[in-house]
Amino acid sequence: MRAKAGFTLMETLAAVAILAVAMIPMIVLLRDVARALVRAEAALIRAEEEKAALQALSGVNPFAQAAGELELGAARLEWSSSAISPIGRAQANWAGGEQFEVQLFRIDANLIRKDDRANSRFTLERLGWRAIAARPGTTEATARERTPAHQA
């Protein structure tokens, strides 16, 4: 009898079937990794938009502007503020020691996205200030003497 070289058709079909069954978990894993990558990219975009919103709010003085809105690329930022502390006084350590009224505000912000992604709501606390005008006939020095200075 002569020895046969190679694989029979049944051996080849069995090997293909075993390989196909072994590949199913790999395909599922690749699909899950791709979905996780899409979610991570969306979370990164959300974080960048929220960082831009916080940056925009860092320039807001709630005494001067209690509410407003800004366009931030693919989102719109709306905010409103409410006082959460009594008005205090502070004195600047620069420019001749100008006096200010200061107050702590709670800012409620809503980042509204223009596409179908979820909106973000967040709250922060921010100090508001306004300069105290010196009364007519007084100098800065006498105005400071009448008003106790507190550090904010």
Protein backbone atom coordinates (compact mmCIF):
# COMPACT_ATOMS: atom_id res chain seq x y z
CA MET A 1 0.00 0.00 0.00
CA ARG A 2 1.07 3.43 -0.87
CA ALA A 3 1.16 6.24 1.74
CA LYS A 4 -1.06 9.23 0.92
CA ALA A 5 0.33 12.73 1.09
CA GLY A 6 -1.83 15.70 2.22
CA PHE A 7 -5.17 16.06 4.02
CA THR A 8 -8.47 14.50 3.22
CA LEU A 9 -11.52 16.64 2.56
CA MET A 10 -13.01 15.68 5.95
CA GLU A 11 -9.86 16.72 7.80
CA THR A 12 -9.85 20.08 6.01
CA LEU A 13 -13.53 20.73 6.77
CA ALA A 14 -13.01 19.83 10.44
CA ALA A 15 -10.03 22.20 10.68
CA VAL A 16 -12.03 25.05 9.09
CA ALA A 17 -14.94 24.45 11.48
CA ILE A 18 -12.66 24.47 14.52
CA LEU A 19 -10.97 27.66 13.29
CA ALA A 20 -14.35 29.36 12.70
CA VAL A 21 -15.55 28.50 16.22
CA ALA A 22 -12.27 29.79 17.69
CA MET A 23 -12.57 33.08 15.74
CA ILE A 24 -16.03 33.99 17.08
CA PRO A 25 -14.72 35.29 20.45
CA MET A 26 -12.04 37.28 18.63
CA ILE A 27 -14.65 38.95 16.40
CA VAL A 28 -16.82 39.76 19.42
CA LEU A 29 -13.78 41.19 21.22
CA LEU A 30 -12.86 43.39 18.25
CA ARG A 31 -16.46 44.65 18.00
CA ASP A 32 -16.48 45.52 21.73
CA VAL A 33 -13.12 47.31 21.45
CA ALA A 34 -14.39 49.36 18.51
CA ARG A 35 -17.52 50.37 20.46
CA ALA A 36 -15.41 51.31 23.49
CA LEU A 37 -13.19 53.45 21.26
CA VAL A 38 -16.22 55.33 19.91
CA ARG A 39 -17.50 55.91 23.48
CA ALA A 40 -14.05 57.10 24.62
CA GLU A 41 -13.81 59.56 21.71
CA ALA A 42 -17.29 60.92 22.54
CA ALA A 43 -16.32 61.30 26.19
CA LEU A 44 -13.16 63.17 25.18
CA ILE A 45 -15.16 65.56 23.01
CA ARG A 46 -17.64 66.12 25.87
CA ALA A 47 -14.79 66.79 28.29
CA GLU A 48 -13.21 69.31 25.89
CA GLU A 49 -16.55 71.11 25.47
CA GLU A 50 -17.10 71.20 29.23
CA LYS A 51 -13.56 72.50 29.74
CA ALA A 52 -14.27 75.27 27.20
CA ALA A 53 -17.50 76.08 29.07
CA LEU A 54 -15.66 76.34 32.39
CA GLN A 55 -13.02 78.51 30.74
CA ALA A 56 -15.74 80.80 29.38
CA LEU A 57 -17.37 81.02 32.81
CA SER A 58 -14.05 81.90 34.46
CA GLY A 59 -14.32 85.34 32.84
CA VAL A 60 -17.88 85.96 34.02
CA ASN A 61 -18.45 88.43 36.85
CA PRO A 62 -21.89 87.54 38.29
CA PHE A 63 -22.27 91.05 39.73
CA ALA A 64 -22.01 92.49 36.22
CA GLN A 65 -23.84 89.73 34.32
CA ALA A 66 -26.23 87.53 36.32
CA ALA A 67 -27.22 85.37 33.33
CA GLY A 68 -26.32 84.88 29.72
CA GLU A 69 -25.42 82.56 26.90
CA LEU A 70 -22.47 81.95 24.61
CA GLU A 71 -21.93 79.94 21.44
CA LEU A 72 -19.09 77.45 21.90
CA GLY A 73 -18.64 75.74 18.56
CA ALA A 74 -20.99 72.75 18.47
CA ALA A 75 -22.69 73.75 21.74
CA ARG A 76 -24.40 76.68 23.40
CA LEU A 77 -23.65 77.59 27.02
CA GLU A 78 -26.46 79.11 29.08
CA TRP A 79 -26.00 80.19 32.68
CA SER A 80 -27.73 81.97 35.50
CA SER A 81 -26.38 82.97 38.88
CA SER A 82 -27.76 83.57 42.35
CA ALA A 83 -26.10 85.09 45.40
CA ILE A 84 -25.27 82.65 48.19
CA SER A 85 -23.50 84.97 50.61
CA PRO A 86 -23.96 88.47 51.97
CA ILE A 87 -22.13 91.34 50.31
CA GLY A 88 -18.71 91.97 51.81
CA ARG A 89 -16.01 94.51 51.20
CA ALA A 90 -12.50 94.01 49.97
CA GLN A 91 -9.58 96.25 49.21
CA ALA A 92 -7.25 95.70 46.31
CA ASN A 93 -3.56 95.48 47.03
CA TRP A 94 -2.78 97.25 43.76
CA ALA A 95 -3.71 100.48 42.01
CA GLY A 96 -4.03 102.59 45.12
CA GLY A 97 -6.06 100.11 47.13
CA GLU A 98 -9.40 100.50 45.34
CA GLN A 99 -12.39 99.22 47.34
CA PHE A 100 -14.76 96.54 46.08
CA GLU A 101 -18.00 94.92 47.10
CA VAL A 102 -17.71 91.16 46.78
CA GLN A 103 -20.25 88.38 46.98
CA LEU A 104 -20.23 84.63 46.39
CA PHE A 105 -22.57 83.39 43.65
CA ARG A 106 -23.76 79.96 42.58
CA ILE A 107 -23.70 79.65 38.80
CA ASP A 108 -25.98 77.04 37.23
CA ALA A 109 -24.77 76.23 33.74
CA ASN A 110 -26.28 74.18 30.94
CA LEU A 111 -24.20 73.13 27.95
CA ILE A 112 -26.65 72.45 25.12
CA ARG A 113 -25.22 70.46 22.25
CA LYS A 114 -26.52 71.12 18.73
CA ASP A 115 -26.44 67.46 17.72
CA ASP A 116 -28.22 64.56 19.41
CA ARG A 117 -25.67 64.07 22.19
CA ALA A 118 -26.71 64.53 25.80
CA ASN A 119 -26.54 67.99 27.36
CA SER A 120 -24.36 68.72 30.39
CA ARG A 121 -25.51 70.54 33.51
CA PHE A 122 -23.12 71.67 36.19
CA THR A 123 -22.92 74.13 39.06
CA LEU A 124 -19.98 76.15 40.30
CA GLU A 125 -19.37 78.87 42.83
CA ARG A 126 -17.74 82.11 41.73
CA LEU A 127 -16.89 85.39 43.39
CA GLY A 128 -18.56 88.47 41.94
CA TRP A 129 -17.20 91.98 42.49
CA ARG A 130 -17.88 95.61 41.73
CA ALA A 131 -15.85 98.71 42.49
CA ILE A 132 -17.17 101.03 45.16
CA ALA A 133 -17.30 104.57 43.83
CA ALA A 134 -15.78 107.15 46.18
CA ARG A 135 -18.30 109.73 47.39
CA PRO A 136 -17.93 113.19 45.90
CA GLY A 137 -15.70 115.39 48.03
CA THR A 138 -13.74 112.49 49.56
CA THR A 139 -10.34 111.25 48.63
CA GLU A 140 -9.50 107.59 48.28
CA ALA A 141 -7.72 107.71 51.63
CA THR A 142 -10.72 109.08 53.54
CA ALA A 143 -13.10 106.69 51.77
CA ARG A 144 -10.86 103.79 52.86
CA GLU A 145 -10.74 105.04 56.46
CA ARG A 146 -14.56 104.94 56.70
CA THR A 147 -14.89 101.47 55.21
CA PRO A 148 -13.32 98.49 56.99
CA ALA A 149 -11.34 96.35 54.54
CA HIS A 150 -11.78 92.57 54.49
CA GLN A 151 -9.82 90.13 52.44
CA ALA A 152 -12.02 88.08 50.11
